[in-house]
Amino acid sequence: MELEIVIANFLYALVGALFSIALMLIGYKLLDWITPFDTSKQLSNGNVAVGIVVGSMFVSLGLVVGLVVGLGLN
């Protein structure tokens, strides 16, 4: 019985991780679509302000999804 719970929690965490990666990709594409400039080009040119915005977006999405996965494991 306990092994089944461990496997279920591991699968839940794995699905949550894949879901968070997908949401981060969607969020990045949405940011790229909303802004009047090419985000990838600005990042490759070394624009620090765009890098901070993209990094902040990834951290916030990761926190939200991490909390959902963490609360689901309890």
N, C-alpha and C. Protein backbone atom coordinates (compact mmCIF):
# COMPACT_ATOMS: atom_id res chain seq x y z
N MET A 1 0.82 -1.19 0.00
CA MET A 1 0.00 0.00 0.00
C MET A 1 0.86 1.26 0.00
N GLU A 2 1.93 1.27 0.78
CA GLU A 2 2.77 2.45 0.87
C GLU A 2 3.55 2.69 -0.43
N LEU A 3 3.96 1.62 -1.10
CA LEU A 3 4.68 1.76 -2.36
C LEU A 3 3.78 2.38 -3.43
N GLU A 4 2.51 2.05 -3.42
CA GLU A 4 1.58 2.64 -4.38
C GLU A 4 1.45 4.14 -4.17
N ILE A 5 1.47 4.57 -2.92
CA ILE A 5 1.37 6.00 -2.63
C ILE A 5 2.62 6.73 -3.10
N VAL A 6 3.78 6.11 -2.89
CA VAL A 6 5.04 6.72 -3.34
C VAL A 6 5.06 6.83 -4.86
N ILE A 7 4.64 5.80 -5.55
CA ILE A 7 4.62 5.82 -7.03
C ILE A 7 3.62 6.86 -7.52
N ALA A 8 2.46 6.92 -6.89
CA ALA A 8 1.45 7.91 -7.29
C ALA A 8 1.97 9.33 -7.08
N ASN A 9 2.63 9.58 -5.97
CA ASN A 9 3.18 10.92 -5.71
C ASN A 9 4.29 11.26 -6.70
N PHE A 10 5.12 10.28 -7.05
CA PHE A 10 6.18 10.52 -8.02
C PHE A 10 5.58 10.86 -9.39
N LEU A 11 4.57 10.12 -9.79
CA LEU A 11 3.93 10.40 -11.09
C LEU A 11 3.24 11.76 -11.08
N TYR A 12 2.63 12.10 -9.94
CA TYR A 12 1.99 13.41 -9.82
C TYR A 12 3.03 14.53 -9.94
N ALA A 13 4.17 14.35 -9.31
CA ALA A 13 5.24 15.35 -9.38
C ALA A 13 5.80 15.45 -10.80
N LEU A 14 5.94 14.31 -11.47
CA LEU A 14 6.45 14.29 -12.84
C LEU A 14 5.49 15.02 -13.78
N VAL A 15 4.20 14.73 -13.66
CA VAL A 15 3.21 15.42 -14.49
C VAL A 15 3.20 16.91 -14.17
N GLY A 16 3.33 17.26 -12.90
CA GLY A 16 3.38 18.67 -12.53
C GLY A 16 4.59 19.38 -13.11
N ALA A 17 5.73 18.69 -13.14
CA ALA A 17 6.94 19.29 -13.72
C ALA A 17 6.77 19.51 -15.22
N LEU A 18 6.22 18.53 -15.90
CA LEU A 18 5.99 18.68 -17.34
C LEU A 18 4.97 19.79 -17.62
N PHE A 19 3.96 19.87 -16.78
CA PHE A 19 2.95 20.92 -16.91
C PHE A 19 3.57 22.29 -16.69
N SER A 20 4.47 22.40 -15.72
CA SER A 20 5.10 23.69 -15.45
C SER A 20 6.01 24.12 -16.60
N ILE A 21 6.72 23.18 -17.20
CA ILE A 21 7.55 23.51 -18.36
C ILE A 21 6.69 23.98 -19.52
N ALA A 22 5.57 23.31 -19.73
CA ALA A 22 4.66 23.72 -20.81
C ALA A 22 4.10 25.12 -20.54
N LEU A 23 3.73 25.40 -19.30
CA LEU A 23 3.21 26.72 -18.98
C LEU A 23 4.28 27.81 -19.12
N MET A 24 5.51 27.49 -18.78
CA MET A 24 6.60 28.46 -18.96
C MET A 24 6.82 28.76 -20.43
N LEU A 25 6.75 27.74 -21.26
CA LEU A 25 6.91 27.95 -22.70
C LEU A 25 5.76 28.79 -23.26
N ILE A 26 4.54 28.49 -22.83
CA ILE A 26 3.39 29.26 -23.28
C ILE A 26 3.50 30.71 -22.79
N GLY A 27 3.93 30.90 -21.55
CA GLY A 27 4.09 32.25 -21.02
C GLY A 27 5.15 33.04 -21.78
N TYR A 28 6.25 32.38 -22.13
CA TYR A 28 7.30 33.06 -22.89
C TYR A 28 6.79 33.46 -24.28
N LYS A 29 6.08 32.54 -24.94
CA LYS A 29 5.54 32.85 -26.27
C LYS A 29 4.51 33.97 -26.20
N LEU A 30 3.71 33.98 -25.13
CA LEU A 30 2.72 35.05 -24.95
C LEU A 30 3.42 36.39 -24.73
N LEU A 31 4.46 36.40 -23.91
CA LEU A 31 5.22 37.63 -23.70
C LEU A 31 5.84 38.11 -25.01
N ASP A 32 6.38 37.19 -25.78
CA ASP A 32 6.99 37.54 -27.07
C ASP A 32 5.93 38.10 -28.02
N TRP A 33 4.72 37.59 -27.96
CA TRP A 33 3.66 38.05 -28.84
C TRP A 33 3.13 39.42 -28.41
N ILE A 34 3.07 39.67 -27.10
CA ILE A 34 2.51 40.93 -26.59
C ILE A 34 3.46 42.10 -26.79
N THR A 35 4.74 41.88 -26.60
CA THR A 35 5.70 42.98 -26.69
C THR A 35 5.95 43.38 -28.14
N PRO A 36 6.24 44.67 -28.38
CA PRO A 36 6.44 45.14 -29.76
C PRO A 36 7.82 44.77 -30.32
N PHE A 37 8.67 44.12 -29.54
CA PHE A 37 10.00 43.76 -30.01
C PHE A 37 10.16 42.24 -29.93
N ASP A 38 11.20 41.74 -30.59
CA ASP A 38 11.49 40.31 -30.57
C ASP A 38 12.27 39.99 -29.30
N THR A 39 11.64 39.25 -28.40
CA THR A 39 12.25 38.96 -27.11
C THR A 39 13.53 38.14 -27.26
N SER A 40 13.52 37.15 -28.11
CA SER A 40 14.71 36.31 -28.31
C SER A 40 15.89 37.12 -28.84
N LYS A 41 15.59 38.02 -29.78
CA LYS A 41 16.66 38.85 -30.34
C LYS A 41 17.23 39.79 -29.28
N GLN A 42 16.35 40.36 -28.45
CA GLN A 42 16.81 41.25 -27.39
C GLN A 42 17.66 40.49 -26.37
N LEU A 43 17.27 39.26 -26.05
CA LEU A 43 18.06 38.46 -25.11
C LEU A 43 19.43 38.11 -25.70
N SER A 44 19.46 37.79 -26.98
CA SER A 44 20.74 37.46 -27.60
C SER A 44 21.65 38.68 -27.73
N ASN A 45 21.06 39.87 -27.79
CA ASN A 45 21.84 41.11 -27.83
C ASN A 45 22.32 41.53 -26.45
N GLY A 46 21.87 40.84 -25.41
CA GLY A 46 22.32 41.15 -24.06
C GLY A 46 21.51 42.21 -23.34
N ASN A 47 20.24 42.37 -23.71
CA ASN A 47 19.38 43.35 -23.06
C ASN A 47 19.04 42.82 -21.66
N VAL A 48 19.60 43.47 -20.65
CA VAL A 48 19.45 43.01 -19.27
C VAL A 48 18.02 43.19 -18.78
N ALA A 49 17.36 44.27 -19.17
CA ALA A 49 15.99 44.51 -18.72
C ALA A 49 15.04 43.42 -19.19
N VAL A 50 15.17 43.00 -20.43
CA VAL A 50 14.34 41.92 -20.95
C VAL A 50 14.68 40.61 -20.24
N GLY A 51 15.93 40.39 -19.95
CA GLY A 51 16.34 39.19 -19.23
C GLY A 51 15.75 39.14 -17.83
N ILE A 52 15.69 40.29 -17.16
CA ILE A 52 15.10 40.33 -15.82
C ILE A 52 13.60 40.03 -15.89
N VAL A 53 12.92 40.58 -16.87
CA VAL A 53 11.48 40.34 -17.02
C VAL A 53 11.21 38.87 -17.31
N VAL A 54 11.94 38.28 -18.23
CA VAL A 54 11.74 36.87 -18.57
C VAL A 54 12.10 35.97 -17.38
N GLY A 55 13.18 36.28 -16.71
CA GLY A 55 13.56 35.50 -15.54
C GLY A 55 12.53 35.59 -14.43
N SER A 56 11.99 36.78 -14.21
CA SER A 56 10.95 36.97 -13.19
C SER A 56 9.69 36.19 -13.55
N MET A 57 9.37 36.16 -14.82
CA MET A 57 8.19 35.41 -15.25
C MET A 57 8.38 33.92 -14.99
N PHE A 58 9.56 33.39 -15.29
CA PHE A 58 9.83 31.97 -15.05
C PHE A 58 9.82 31.64 -13.57
N VAL A 59 10.38 32.51 -12.75
CA VAL A 59 10.39 32.26 -11.31
C VAL A 59 8.97 32.26 -10.75
N SER A 60 8.16 33.22 -11.18
CA SER A 60 6.78 33.29 -10.66
C SER A 60 5.95 32.09 -11.11
N LEU A 61 6.07 31.69 -12.36
CA LEU A 61 5.35 30.50 -12.82
C LEU A 61 5.83 29.25 -12.11
N GLY A 62 7.14 29.17 -11.89
CA GLY A 62 7.68 28.01 -11.18
C GLY A 62 7.20 27.94 -9.74
N LEU A 63 7.09 29.09 -9.09
CA LEU A 63 6.59 29.11 -7.71
C LEU A 63 5.13 28.65 -7.65
N VAL A 64 4.33 29.15 -8.55
CA VAL A 64 2.91 28.79 -8.53
C VAL A 64 2.72 27.30 -8.79
N VAL A 65 3.34 26.79 -9.82
CA VAL A 65 3.18 25.37 -10.13
C VAL A 65 3.84 24.51 -9.07
N GLY A 66 4.96 24.95 -8.52
CA GLY A 66 5.61 24.20 -7.45
C GLY A 66 4.75 24.10 -6.21
N LEU A 67 4.04 25.17 -5.90
CA LEU A 67 3.12 25.11 -4.77
C LEU A 67 1.97 24.14 -5.03
N VAL A 68 1.46 24.13 -6.24
CA VAL A 68 0.38 23.21 -6.56
C VAL A 68 0.85 21.77 -6.45
N VAL A 69 2.02 21.48 -6.99
CA VAL A 69 2.56 20.12 -6.92
C VAL A 69 2.89 19.76 -5.48
N GLY A 70 3.50 20.67 -4.74
CA GLY A 70 3.85 20.40 -3.36
C GLY A 70 2.65 20.16 -2.47
N LEU A 71 1.59 20.93 -2.68
CA LEU A 71 0.38 20.73 -1.89
C LEU A 71 -0.32 19.44 -2.28
N GLY A 72 -0.16 19.04 -3.53
CA GLY A 72 -0.77 17.78 -3.96
C GLY A 72 -0.07 16.56 -3.37
N LEU A 73 1.19 16.71 -3.01
CA LEU A 73 1.94 15.58 -2.44
C LEU A 73 1.60 15.36 -0.99
N ASN A 74 1.02 16.33 -0.34
CA ASN A 74 0.69 16.18 1.09
C ASN A 74 -0.62 15.48 1.28
